[in-house]
Amino acid sequence: MTASNELRLLPWSGAGGKPCYLSTDDRGGYVSRLADNIEAVQLGSAADLLGQASETIDDQDAALEEMRRLAMELTGALRDVLRVATSRGHLLALSEPRQPVY
């Protein structure tokens, strides 16, 4: 098992919206692979949504309700992408040697 400061933030929430973490030394284990796959789906969905957002914003006839839906979907996608970035940033920090700051 990994030390408590080496837990992986998973791309889903637990009860009450609390973050879920994985403690394992096996980055190729079932839950690690599942998390990797879900992160890939989340990032792909965010990229697709970004394309849709560009089209909707360019549409001068877009209805207010359509813009609200877009804002809600973008908020959810941004939340997912931020969680992935946080998780992967932490994993990178654990796997890469620290470079001295000059």
Protein backbone atom coordinates (compact mmCIF):
# COMPACT_ATOMS: atom_id res chain seq x y z
CA MET A 1 0.00 0.00 0.00
CA THR A 2 1.09 3.54 -0.60
CA ALA A 3 1.70 6.10 2.09
CA SER A 4 -1.17 8.43 2.92
CA ASN A 5 0.48 11.27 0.99
CA GLU A 6 0.56 9.07 -2.14
CA LEU A 7 -3.16 8.40 -2.50
CA ARG A 8 -4.62 8.72 -5.97
CA LEU A 9 -7.61 11.02 -6.34
CA LEU A 10 -10.22 9.04 -8.28
CA PRO A 11 -12.40 10.60 -10.99
CA TRP A 12 -15.63 10.00 -9.09
CA SER A 13 -17.09 11.20 -5.83
CA GLY A 14 -18.24 9.25 -2.85
CA ALA A 15 -21.19 9.76 -0.54
CA GLY A 16 -22.09 13.39 -0.11
CA GLY A 17 -19.84 14.41 -2.99
CA LYS A 18 -16.69 13.69 -1.00
CA PRO A 19 -13.54 12.81 -2.95
CA CYS A 20 -12.53 9.16 -3.30
CA TYR A 21 -8.93 8.02 -3.11
CA LEU A 22 -7.10 4.85 -4.04
CA SER A 23 -4.24 3.42 -2.03
CA THR A 24 -2.28 0.84 -3.99
CA ASP A 25 1.17 0.11 -5.32
CA ASP A 26 -0.32 -1.48 -8.46
CA ARG A 27 -0.90 1.25 -11.06
CA GLY A 28 -2.03 -1.49 -13.44
CA GLY A 29 -4.67 -2.86 -11.07
CA TYR A 30 -8.37 -3.01 -11.86
CA VAL A 31 -9.40 0.20 -10.05
CA SER A 32 -6.39 2.10 -11.43
CA ARG A 33 -7.26 1.04 -14.99
CA LEU A 34 -10.93 1.87 -14.42
CA ALA A 35 -9.96 5.33 -13.17
CA ASP A 36 -7.66 5.83 -16.19
CA ASN A 37 -10.49 4.88 -18.56
CA ILE A 38 -13.00 7.15 -16.85
CA GLU A 39 -10.53 10.04 -16.94
CA ALA A 40 -10.03 9.47 -20.67
CA VAL A 41 -13.79 9.55 -21.23
CA GLN A 42 -14.14 12.71 -19.14
CA LEU A 43 -11.37 14.48 -21.07
CA GLY A 44 -12.84 13.39 -24.40
CA SER A 45 -16.29 14.59 -23.37
CA ALA A 46 -14.84 17.94 -22.31
CA ALA A 47 -13.13 18.32 -25.70
CA ASP A 48 -16.39 17.53 -27.52
CA LEU A 49 -18.30 19.96 -25.32
CA LEU A 50 -15.75 22.68 -26.04
CA GLY A 51 -16.45 22.29 -29.75
CA GLN A 52 -20.20 22.47 -29.14
CA ALA A 53 -19.70 25.54 -26.95
CA SER A 54 -17.81 27.35 -29.70
CA GLU A 55 -20.64 26.67 -32.14
CA THR A 56 -23.33 27.74 -29.67
CA ILE A 57 -21.54 30.95 -28.74
CA ASP A 58 -21.12 31.82 -32.42
CA ASP A 59 -24.86 31.26 -33.00
CA GLN A 60 -26.51 34.68 -32.72
CA ASP A 61 -29.92 32.98 -32.46
CA ALA A 62 -29.01 30.72 -29.52
CA ALA A 63 -31.77 30.76 -26.91
CA LEU A 64 -31.13 31.74 -23.30
CA GLU A 65 -32.14 28.25 -22.15
CA GLU A 66 -29.60 26.72 -24.54
CA MET A 67 -26.89 29.00 -23.14
CA ARG A 68 -27.83 28.03 -19.57
CA ARG A 69 -27.65 24.33 -20.45
CA LEU A 70 -24.27 24.93 -22.05
CA ALA A 71 -23.02 26.74 -18.95
CA MET A 72 -24.16 23.88 -16.72
CA GLU A 73 -22.50 21.26 -18.94
CA LEU A 74 -19.29 23.29 -19.15
CA THR A 75 -19.27 23.65 -15.35
CA GLY A 76 -19.53 19.87 -14.93
CA ALA A 77 -16.84 19.24 -17.54
CA LEU A 78 -14.52 21.79 -15.95
CA ARG A 79 -15.04 20.12 -12.56
CA ASP A 80 -14.12 16.73 -14.08
CA VAL A 81 -11.06 18.09 -15.91
CA LEU A 82 -9.84 19.87 -12.77
CA ARG A 83 -10.13 16.62 -10.82
CA VAL A 84 -8.18 14.76 -13.53
CA ALA A 85 -5.51 17.47 -13.58
CA THR A 86 -5.22 17.39 -9.80
CA SER A 87 -4.94 13.61 -9.77
CA ARG A 88 -2.44 13.40 -12.63
CA GLY A 89 -0.40 16.30 -11.29
CA HIS A 90 -0.09 14.48 -8.00
CA LEU A 91 0.90 11.26 -9.76
CA LEU A 92 3.53 13.11 -11.81
CA ALA A 93 4.95 14.70 -8.68
CA LEU A 94 5.33 11.25 -7.15
CA SER A 95 6.98 9.65 -10.17
CA GLU A 96 9.33 12.41 -11.33
CA PRO A 97 12.47 13.37 -9.45
CA ARG A 98 12.34 16.89 -8.13
CA GLN A 99 14.50 19.42 -9.93
CA PRO A 100 16.25 22.09 -7.87
CA VAL A 101 14.83 25.59 -8.21
CA TYR A 102 17.43 28.23 -8.99
